[in-house]
Every structure is written in C-alpha cells, then in structure tokens.
C-alpha cells in the first residue's frame, strides 16, 4: 500500500507540521511504515520539532553527491524522514537529464505505506505541485478568519489547476467540539457554493497546553503526553485515515507520482490575478468578498476560553466530525468608491470652512481693537488677516471677564 498525502495549510502558524509529525508517529505505533517528507521550502520545522540535525538533504541527492538512502533519517519513533529544506527549490529547477535518475531513485521508496508531505504554508509552486501530484490532501485550518480565507485561496488555485483528489479538513486548536463543527460548517458552505470542491471532515485537535510544552522539549506530544486530549485526537484522526475502504485509498504508483510532481514543478500555474510564470513562487489575491462573511461568523462563534476536555471526549468527537448547523453564507457587497462615499459631505465641509474663515476674521478685528485702545479699526479687508499690525503707543491690556460682565449687567437690571 502506497498512499501519498499532502498535508498543507493556507497560512503558517496553524500547527500543520506538528500535526503531521504526530500523525506519522502514531502510524508507526500502529505498525505502518510512514515516510515523512519535509517539503517545507526554506525551513526545517520537522528537524527542530524532533531535535534532529541532518547533515544532508534532498539537494545533495539532486547534485549527485548522495543517494536517497544516504539522506533518510531513521527516527527512533519508527518514522523515516527525508529532509527537504532548500533542496525542494532545486527540484523545481532540474534539467531533463537529471530528472529520470531522480524519479527512479524516489520510486525505489515504494516500500512505505504512507508518504506524508509536510508542505510549505501558503501558496507557492512547490505547495501546488505536491498537492496536485498527491492523491489525497489534508487541509489544516483554525478558527482564525485569515486561516480560513487563505485555505480557501489555496483550494481555489488547486481547483483552477484541475486537482481531482480528495480533500479532508482538520480543525486544529479548537476549544470544544461545537466550535470545531461550526468552523468546518462555515468553511464547507463557502467552498461548496463558490468552488464546488467536496470537503470531508477528518477530525479535530483540541487546544492543549501539553503541545507547546512538548515543543519546548523538542519532542512529540504523542510520546511525552500519550494520555492528553491532543494525543487522543491524533489517535482518532489516524483511525479514520486507516479505516477507509480500499476503493477510496487505491495504491499509488510512485513512479507516476514523482513524474507528475516534477511535471507540476515545471508547468505554468493558473493563479488568479498573476501572470503565469514558469518557475518561482506566486502569491494569490484575497478571496472574493462573499467568502469573508461566513468565515468571520465562524470566528465569532468560537468561545475565547477553552474548557477542560477529557481525552475520551476528544477521541469521540474526532470520529464524528460532522458540521453542526446549516445555513447560507451571506453575500457581501462590493465596497463603495471612497470618493462617492465622501460626496454628500462636501457641502458641509464647505460651510464649515466658511464659518471658520468668518470666526478668524472677527478674532483678528478684536485683536486690532484691543491693540488700538478700543478704537474701531474699521472694516476688515480681505487678505489683511496675516498683515502685521502697527503696535500702539502706551498699549493697554484689557482682560475679558465674561462672568464679571454678566454680574454687572444683572445688577443694572435690578436697579
């Protein structure tokens, strides 16, 4: 059995790599043979997470300095790891004469049951290539609106490039089952309406304090805290992944997979709002405004403080994973032109400017009158407001005491 699964996300910081590592570890615990391919371009999060320091990566194989067997890391957990790092970018720039040799080298790794590709976050040529070549995609999201909108953008690019495999969703860092179902429901509604991509819930992983604690120790929380709620969720995800029917998980021909992968690395990508380029990374414009409303609603429904969850509840909830509510996403209107929105206020601003000018003129006349010992300076002339006044001899300072004036006026009336 050879299953190729690309585990990806629309943005970074959603726990994608952590989920991938712990999923691979539990597959090994169940007796499967998982191979974890670090396809995260430019970073080495898997190495950091597991506290390993590989001397070589896929770039050494591409340059002919090492074989694929030389660079494989045999972790004590039973997971084999292929360090990608900067070598992933070199895969996108292979010449034709080196391509066949590399494909044959990768195809020899067919002894594994699961190939898990931990892709980069976001949308780049390497992310799209691995997702298009894989028969299964696991999309990791959280309740954050940016996580869901960026995941939507990634699905949009895969759809435009004719991806025909399965897409499963994992809601990570959720406080409880209800919020996870709400997030998945809103996300699936938007994707169904605007992309038509069928999404399947793979499960959820609870927000758990043991996860950052394990990261600090550069260990897997499946190993350090096997009874935690997060570990129970991983077991449920793995069970659902391995219990699927044979027709949904047809074995992958690794030669075909790697040929397709390199083909996608070198073919133009259809990315909205960008010119098609042969190589390099492309970013995607924000999704349509209509998609933002449902994902924002999902974020508002998520409780701020996660309640304590028993490990058994985490396992049961992951097995169901069905959305809770139904409804239609709201259609957001296009933003109004800023100039048109300001037009009704122009007369008010003009009137305000005129009033300010009049007040300024009156204040100027008062200053001149006080400087001339109370004599009437005559009408103000336009353009003379900034003209320096001639200092009066023996200038007397008048203090304007309005309260005293009002009191004197009242006494005059009483008398």
Protein backbone atom coordinates (compact mmCIF):
# COMPACT_ATOMS: atom_id res chain seq x y z
CA UNK A 1 0.00 0.00 0.00
CA UNK A 2 1.42 3.37 -1.05
CA UNK A 3 -0.68 6.38 -0.06
CA UNK A 4 0.58 9.87 -0.83
CA UNK A 5 -0.92 12.56 1.39
CA UNK A 6 -0.03 16.24 1.11
CA UNK A 7 -0.66 17.99 4.43
CA UNK A 8 -0.96 21.70 3.83
CA UNK A 9 -2.49 24.96 5.05
CA UNK A 10 -3.36 28.35 3.65
CA UNK A 11 -1.15 30.19 6.14
CA UNK A 12 1.59 29.49 8.62
CA UNK A 13 1.19 29.14 12.36
CA UNK A 14 -1.81 26.80 12.35
CA UNK A 15 0.05 23.72 13.67
CA UNK A 16 0.37 21.87 10.37
CA UNK A 17 3.86 20.45 10.92
CA UNK A 18 3.12 19.44 14.50
CA UNK A 19 0.03 17.56 13.37
CA UNK A 20 1.97 15.86 10.55
CA UNK A 21 4.78 14.68 12.84
CA UNK A 22 2.45 13.26 15.48
CA UNK A 23 0.27 11.62 12.84
CA UNK A 24 3.33 9.87 11.38
CA UNK A 25 4.46 8.75 14.83
CA UNK A 26 1.11 7.17 15.62
CA UNK A 27 1.03 5.44 12.23
CA UNK A 28 4.36 3.86 13.17
CA UNK A 29 2.94 2.85 16.55
CA UNK A 30 0.14 1.03 14.74
CA UNK A 31 2.66 -0.95 12.69
CA UNK A 32 2.52 1.03 9.45
CA UNK A 33 5.61 2.22 7.59
CA UNK A 34 5.36 6.01 7.29
CA UNK A 35 7.83 8.24 5.46
CA UNK A 36 7.76 11.92 6.31
CA UNK A 37 8.96 14.22 3.52
CA UNK A 38 9.92 17.68 4.72
CA UNK A 39 8.67 19.71 1.76
CA UNK A 40 8.60 23.00 3.68
CA UNK A 41 10.74 25.21 1.47
CA UNK A 42 13.46 27.14 3.26
CA UNK A 43 12.64 25.94 6.78
CA UNK A 44 13.38 22.85 8.83
CA UNK A 45 10.50 22.74 11.29
CA UNK A 46 10.43 18.95 11.44
CA UNK A 47 14.11 18.87 12.38
CA UNK A 48 13.57 21.47 15.10
CA UNK A 49 10.44 19.78 16.41
CA UNK A 50 12.16 16.42 16.80
CA UNK A 51 15.55 17.77 17.85
CA UNK A 52 17.44 16.29 14.90
CA UNK A 53 20.21 17.86 12.85
CA UNK A 54 20.52 16.22 9.41
CA UNK A 55 23.86 16.56 7.68
CA UNK A 56 22.38 16.16 4.20
CA UNK A 57 19.12 16.85 2.42
CA UNK A 58 17.44 16.27 -0.92
CA UNK A 59 19.71 18.88 -2.51
CA UNK A 60 22.69 16.53 -2.09
CA UNK A 61 20.78 13.83 -3.97
CA UNK A 62 19.88 16.21 -6.79
CA UNK A 63 23.51 17.26 -7.15
CA UNK A 64 24.56 13.61 -7.27
CA UNK A 65 26.59 13.79 -4.07
CA UNK A 66 24.40 11.36 -2.09
CA UNK A 67 21.80 8.70 -2.76
CA UNK A 68 18.28 8.90 -1.43
CA UNK A 69 19.10 6.14 1.04
CA UNK A 70 22.05 8.16 2.37
CA UNK A 71 19.94 11.10 3.50
CA UNK A 72 17.00 9.25 5.07
CA UNK A 73 16.80 9.77 8.84
CA UNK A 74 15.60 6.72 10.76
CA UNK A 75 13.96 8.22 13.81
CA UNK A 76 13.65 6.17 16.99
CA UNK A 77 9.86 6.55 16.81
CA UNK A 78 9.78 4.38 13.68
CA UNK A 79 9.28 7.25 11.24
CA UNK A 80 11.66 7.71 8.32
CA UNK A 81 12.30 11.34 7.43
CA UNK A 82 13.54 12.80 4.14
CA UNK A 83 14.96 16.30 4.79
CA UNK A 84 13.92 18.66 2.05
CA UNK A 85 14.89 22.19 3.08
CA UNK A 86 16.44 24.17 0.21
CA UNK A 87 16.62 21.04 -1.92
CA UNK A 88 12.91 21.38 -2.66
CA UNK A 89 13.61 24.52 -4.65
CA UNK A 90 16.32 22.70 -6.59
CA UNK A 91 13.74 20.07 -7.53
CA UNK A 92 11.87 22.78 -9.40
CA UNK A 93 14.93 23.61 -11.49
CA UNK A 94 16.08 20.17 -12.56
CA UNK A 95 17.39 19.64 -16.04
CA UNK A 96 15.86 16.86 -18.11
CA UNK A 97 18.92 14.59 -17.95
CA UNK A 98 18.83 14.52 -14.14
CA UNK A 99 15.09 14.11 -13.86
CA UNK A 100 14.86 10.46 -14.89
CA UNK A 101 17.57 9.37 -12.46
CA UNK A 102 15.92 11.18 -9.58
CA UNK A 103 12.48 9.75 -10.39
CA UNK A 104 13.88 6.22 -10.35
CA UNK A 105 15.62 6.93 -7.05
CA UNK A 106 12.39 8.15 -5.45
CA UNK A 107 10.33 5.34 -6.95
CA UNK A 108 12.53 2.85 -5.12
CA UNK A 109 10.95 4.09 -1.88
CA UNK A 110 7.76 2.21 -2.65
CA UNK A 111 8.09 0.04 0.44
CA UNK A 112 6.37 2.67 2.60
CA UNK A 113 2.68 2.51 3.43
CA UNK A 114 2.24 6.26 3.84
CA UNK A 115 4.10 9.17 2.26
CA UNK A 116 3.26 12.30 4.24
CA UNK A 117 4.38 15.54 2.59
CA UNK A 118 4.62 18.45 5.00
CA UNK A 119 4.32 21.31 2.53
CA UNK A 120 5.13 24.96 2.99
CA UNK A 121 2.36 27.21 4.26
CA UNK A 122 0.55 29.43 1.80
CA UNK A 123 0.59 29.18 -1.98
CA UNK A 124 3.79 28.56 -3.92
CA UNK A 125 4.86 26.39 -6.82
CA UNK A 126 6.13 23.64 -4.53
CA UNK A 127 2.90 23.58 -2.49
CA UNK A 128 0.71 23.34 -5.57
CA UNK A 129 2.97 20.73 -7.19
CA UNK A 130 2.89 18.37 -4.21
CA UNK A 131 -0.86 18.81 -3.74
CA UNK A 132 -1.65 18.20 -7.41
CA UNK A 133 0.55 15.10 -7.54
CA UNK A 134 -0.79 13.59 -4.31
CA UNK A 135 -3.96 11.55 -4.36
CA UNK A 136 -5.06 12.97 -1.01
CA UNK A 137 -4.84 16.43 0.56
CA UNK A 138 -5.29 17.16 4.25
CA UNK A 139 -6.04 20.85 4.82
CA UNK A 140 -5.35 22.21 8.31
CA UNK A 141 -7.37 25.22 9.45
CA UNK A 142 -8.14 27.03 12.69
CA UNK A 143 -10.95 29.33 13.77
CA UNK A 144 -8.96 32.41 12.71
CA UNK A 145 -10.61 34.16 9.72
CA UNK A 146 -7.23 34.54 7.98
CA UNK A 147 -6.65 30.79 8.27
CA UNK A 148 -9.94 30.02 6.55
CA UNK A 149 -9.71 32.68 3.84
CA UNK A 150 -6.14 31.64 2.98
CA UNK A 151 -7.18 27.98 2.92
CA UNK A 152 -9.99 28.95 0.56
CA UNK A 153 -7.47 30.70 -1.72
CA UNK A 154 -5.32 27.57 -1.81
CA UNK A 155 -8.31 25.40 -2.73
CA UNK A 156 -9.19 27.88 -5.45
CA UNK A 157 -5.74 27.54 -7.01
CA UNK A 158 -5.89 23.75 -6.83
CA UNK A 159 -9.32 23.82 -8.48
CA UNK A 160 -8.10 26.06 -11.31
CA UNK A 161 -5.26 23.62 -11.88
CA UNK A 162 -7.64 20.63 -12.16
CA UNK A 163 -6.96 18.90 -8.86
CA UNK A 164 -9.17 15.82 -8.73
CA UNK A 165 -8.16 14.09 -5.50
CA UNK A 166 -9.74 14.03 -2.08
CA UNK A 167 -9.63 16.96 0.32
CA UNK A 168 -10.04 16.34 4.05
CA UNK A 169 -10.11 19.08 6.67
CA UNK A 170 -8.67 19.09 10.18
CA UNK A 171 -9.78 21.88 12.54
CA UNK A 172 -6.81 22.49 14.83
CA UNK A 173 -6.56 24.30 18.17
CA UNK A 174 -10.29 24.31 18.82
CA UNK A 175 -11.66 24.74 22.35
CA UNK A 176 -14.51 22.25 22.03
CA UNK A 177 -16.46 20.08 19.62
CA UNK A 178 -19.19 22.63 18.96
CA UNK A 179 -16.76 25.33 17.84
CA UNK A 180 -14.91 22.87 15.58
CA UNK A 181 -18.17 21.85 13.92
CA UNK A 182 -19.10 25.50 13.47
CA UNK A 183 -15.78 26.34 11.84
CA UNK A 184 -15.97 23.37 9.48
CA UNK A 185 -19.60 24.12 8.62
CA UNK A 186 -18.88 27.73 7.63
CA UNK A 187 -15.79 26.77 5.66
CA UNK A 188 -17.52 23.95 3.80
CA UNK A 189 -20.53 26.15 2.96
CA UNK A 190 -18.30 28.77 1.35
CA UNK A 191 -16.26 26.18 -0.56
CA UNK A 192 -19.39 24.33 -1.75
CA UNK A 193 -21.04 27.50 -3.00
CA UNK A 194 -18.12 29.18 -4.75
CA UNK A 195 -15.71 26.37 -5.65
CA UNK A 196 -17.77 23.20 -5.72
CA UNK A 197 -14.98 21.18 -4.09
CA UNK A 198 -16.30 18.35 -1.89
CA UNK A 199 -14.75 18.53 1.57
CA UNK A 200 -14.62 15.70 4.07
CA UNK A 201 -14.08 16.22 7.81
CA UNK A 202 -11.08 14.24 9.02
CA UNK A 203 -11.45 15.43 12.60
CA UNK A 204 -10.17 17.98 15.08
CA UNK A 205 -7.38 18.60 17.55
CA UNK A 206 -8.13 20.40 20.79
CA UNK A 207 -6.19 23.34 22.12
CA UNK A 208 -3.97 21.64 24.70
CA UNK A 209 -1.28 23.07 26.96
CA UNK A 210 0.87 19.95 26.50
CA UNK A 211 1.50 20.83 22.84
CA UNK A 212 3.74 23.89 23.44
CA UNK A 213 5.27 22.09 26.41
CA UNK A 214 6.38 19.24 24.14
CA UNK A 215 7.67 21.70 21.55
CA UNK A 216 9.93 23.30 24.13
CA UNK A 217 11.45 19.88 24.79
CA UNK A 218 11.69 19.14 21.03
CA UNK A 219 9.64 16.00 21.48
CA UNK A 220 6.35 14.69 20.15
CA UNK A 221 3.37 15.13 22.46
CA UNK A 222 2.25 11.65 21.36
CA UNK A 223 5.34 10.32 23.13
CA UNK A 224 5.55 12.68 26.10
CA UNK A 225 1.84 13.00 26.86
CA UNK A 226 0.05 9.99 25.36
CA UNK A 227 -2.99 10.46 27.63
CA UNK A 228 -3.55 14.10 26.72
CA UNK A 229 -6.57 15.38 24.84
CA UNK A 230 -4.43 16.34 21.84
CA UNK A 231 -2.94 12.83 21.65
CA UNK A 232 -6.42 11.32 21.81
CA UNK A 233 -7.44 13.48 18.85
CA UNK A 234 -4.43 12.29 16.84
CA UNK A 235 -5.39 8.68 17.52
CA UNK A 236 -8.91 9.36 16.25
CA UNK A 237 -7.57 11.07 13.11
CA UNK A 238 -5.27 8.14 12.42
CA UNK A 239 -8.05 5.63 12.95
CA UNK A 240 -10.28 7.40 10.49
CA UNK A 241 -7.41 7.63 8.00
CA UNK A 242 -6.54 3.93 8.17
CA UNK A 243 -10.09 2.52 8.34
CA UNK A 244 -11.17 3.83 4.96
CA UNK A 245 -12.39 1.48 2.27
CA UNK A 246 -9.99 0.20 -0.37
CA UNK A 247 -11.74 1.96 -3.26
CA UNK A 248 -11.08 5.33 -1.62
CA UNK A 249 -7.40 4.59 -0.98
CA UNK A 250 -6.10 2.98 -4.15
CA UNK A 251 -2.33 2.35 -4.00
CA UNK A 252 -0.23 4.99 -5.69
CA UNK A 253 2.36 4.14 -8.32
CA UNK A 254 5.37 6.03 -7.00
CA UNK A 255 6.93 6.39 -10.45
CA UNK A 256 3.75 8.04 -11.70
CA UNK A 257 3.56 10.22 -8.61
CA UNK A 258 7.10 11.59 -8.93
CA UNK A 259 6.78 12.10 -12.68
CA UNK A 260 3.62 14.12 -12.06
CA UNK A 261 5.25 16.03 -9.24
CA UNK A 262 8.17 17.17 -11.39
CA UNK A 263 5.78 17.95 -14.23
CA UNK A 264 3.81 20.31 -11.99
CA UNK A 265 7.03 21.86 -10.75
CA UNK A 266 7.84 22.96 -14.28
CA UNK A 267 4.45 23.72 -15.86
CA UNK A 268 2.76 27.15 -15.77
CA UNK A 269 0.30 27.57 -12.92
CA UNK A 270 -3.11 29.15 -13.24
CA UNK A 271 -3.17 31.64 -10.40
CA UNK A 272 -5.85 34.40 -10.35
CA UNK A 273 -4.53 37.93 -10.59
CA UNK A 274 -0.99 36.87 -11.55
CA UNK A 275 0.64 36.31 -14.86
CA UNK A 276 1.56 32.70 -15.48
CA UNK A 277 5.23 32.09 -14.80
CA UNK A 278 7.35 29.08 -15.50
CA UNK A 279 9.05 28.93 -12.12
CA UNK A 280 9.15 30.75 -8.82
CA UNK A 281 6.64 31.49 -6.15
CA UNK A 282 3.35 33.22 -6.75
CA UNK A 283 1.05 34.80 -4.25
CA UNK A 284 -2.70 34.83 -4.56
CA UNK A 285 -5.00 37.84 -4.16
CA UNK A 286 -7.51 37.78 -1.31
CA UNK A 287 -10.62 35.65 -1.86
CA UNK A 288 -13.88 37.12 -3.08
CA UNK A 289 -15.67 39.31 -0.53
CA UNK A 290 -18.51 36.78 -0.48
CA UNK A 291 -16.25 34.27 1.25
CA UNK A 292 -15.20 36.56 4.08
CA UNK A 293 -18.65 36.81 5.70
CA UNK A 294 -19.12 33.13 6.55
CA UNK A 295 -15.63 32.65 7.91
CA UNK A 296 -15.91 35.78 10.04
CA UNK A 297 -19.13 34.40 11.51
CA UNK A 298 -17.31 31.18 12.34
CA UNK A 299 -14.63 33.08 14.21
CA UNK A 300 -17.23 34.99 16.23
CA UNK A 301 -18.92 31.75 17.28
CA UNK A 302 -15.69 30.32 18.74
CA UNK A 303 -15.51 30.62 22.55
CA UNK A 304 -12.49 32.53 23.81
CA UNK A 305 -11.59 30.29 26.76
CA UNK A 306 -11.28 26.54 26.11
CA UNK A 307 -12.98 24.38 28.73
CA UNK A 308 -11.17 21.28 30.03
CA UNK A 309 -11.76 18.25 27.80
CA UNK A 310 -11.31 14.64 28.75
CA UNK A 311 -9.21 12.52 26.36
CA UNK A 312 -12.14 10.17 25.73
CA UNK A 313 -14.34 13.04 24.61
CA UNK A 314 -11.66 14.21 22.23
CA UNK A 315 -11.49 10.83 20.58
CA UNK A 316 -15.25 10.50 20.18
CA UNK A 317 -15.66 13.97 18.74
CA UNK A 318 -12.94 13.44 16.17
CA UNK A 319 -14.65 10.33 14.93
CA UNK A 320 -17.85 12.21 14.15
CA UNK A 321 -16.52 15.49 12.80
CA UNK A 322 -19.80 16.40 11.11
CA UNK A 323 -20.92 20.02 10.84
CA UNK A 324 -23.48 21.13 13.39
CA UNK A 325 -25.68 23.78 11.82
CA UNK A 326 -26.94 24.67 8.41
CA UNK A 327 -27.48 27.97 6.62
CA UNK A 328 -26.49 30.02 3.63
CA UNK A 329 -23.42 32.24 3.60
CA UNK A 330 -24.20 35.90 3.34
CA UNK A 331 -23.31 37.70 0.14
CA UNK A 332 -21.09 40.64 0.93
CA UNK A 333 -21.45 43.71 -1.25
CA UNK A 334 -18.56 45.30 -3.09
CA UNK A 335 -17.05 48.23 -1.19
CA UNK A 336 -18.26 51.70 -2.30
CA UNK A 337 -15.90 54.03 -4.09
CA UNK A 338 -14.27 56.27 -1.43
CA UNK A 339 -14.85 59.44 -3.50
CA UNK A 340 -18.55 58.65 -3.96
CA UNK A 341 -18.92 57.96 -0.25
CA UNK A 342 -17.43 61.40 0.54
CA UNK A 343 -19.59 63.40 -1.92
CA UNK A 344 -22.57 64.04 0.45
CA UNK A 345 -20.24 65.65 3.00
CA UNK A 346 -18.68 68.20 0.62
CA UNK A 347 -21.34 70.97 1.21
CA UNK A 348 -20.98 70.52 4.96
CA UNK A 349 -17.21 70.83 4.75
CA UNK A 350 -17.51 73.94 2.57
CA UNK A 351 -19.92 75.58 5.02
CA UNK A 352 -17.64 74.70 7.92
CA UNK A 353 -14.67 76.25 6.11
CA UNK A 354 -16.65 79.47 5.54
CA UNK A 355 -17.67 79.67 9.20
CA UNK A 356 -14.08 79.16 10.30
CA UNK A 357 -12.97 81.97 8.00
CA UNK A 358 -15.59 84.32 9.45
CA UNK A 359 -14.58 83.49 13.02
CA UNK A 360 -10.93 84.05 12.13
CA UNK A 361 -11.79 87.48 10.68
CA UNK A 362 -13.72 88.52 13.79
CA UNK A 363 -10.93 87.41 16.11
CA UNK A 364 -8.47 89.44 14.05
CA UNK A 365 -10.62 92.57 14.41
CA UNK A 366 -10.91 92.05 18.17
CA UNK A 367 -7.13 91.81 18.47
CA UNK A 368 -6.69 95.04 16.46
CA UNK A 369 -9.32 96.83 18.55
CA UNK A 370 -7.62 95.88 21.78
CA UNK A 371 -4.29 96.98 20.36
CA UNK A 372 -5.77 100.42 19.41
CA UNK A 373 -7.16 101.12 22.93
CA UNK A 374 -10.65 100.18 21.97
CA UNK A 375 -10.89 102.35 18.83
CA UNK A 376 -12.83 100.95 15.93
CA UNK A 377 -10.28 99.72 13.41
CA UNK A 378 -12.74 99.84 10.58
CA UNK A 379 -13.86 97.00 8.36
CA UNK A 380 -11.51 94.15 7.79
CA UNK A 381 -10.07 93.86 4.32
CA UNK A 382 -9.73 90.58 2.54
CA UNK A 383 -6.20 89.36 2.54
CA UNK A 384 -5.15 91.54 5.52
CA UNK A 385 -5.61 88.90 8.17
CA UNK A 386 -1.95 87.99 8.20
CA UNK A 387 -0.72 91.59 7.89
CA UNK A 388 1.34 92.64 10.94
CA UNK A 389 -0.44 95.38 12.87
CA UNK A 390 1.31 98.59 13.94
CA UNK A 391 1.97 98.48 17.66
CA UNK A 392 0.08 101.23 19.53
CA UNK A 393 1.85 103.53 21.95
CA UNK A 394 1.11 103.01 25.62
CA UNK A 395 -0.81 99.89 24.74
CA UNK A 396 -3.25 98.89 27.48
CA UNK A 397 -4.18 95.28 28.11
CA UNK A 398 -7.90 94.59 28.54
CA UNK A 399 -8.94 91.47 30.39
CA UNK A 400 -12.18 89.98 29.08
CA UNK A 401 -14.01 88.76 32.20
CA UNK A 402 -17.35 87.49 30.96
CA UNK A 403 -18.56 86.46 34.41
CA UNK A 404 -17.95 89.96 35.81
CA UNK A 405 -19.71 91.48 32.83
CA UNK A 406 -22.74 89.24 33.33
CA UNK A 407 -22.90 90.06 37.06
CA UNK A 408 -22.74 93.79 36.38
CA UNK A 409 -25.45 93.52 33.76
CA UNK A 410 -27.77 91.79 36.24
CA UNK A 411 -27.20 94.50 38.88
CA UNK A 412 -28.07 97.18 36.36
CA UNK A 413 -31.36 95.48 35.57
CA UNK A 414 -32.28 95.11 39.27
CA UNK A 415 -31.66 98.81 39.95
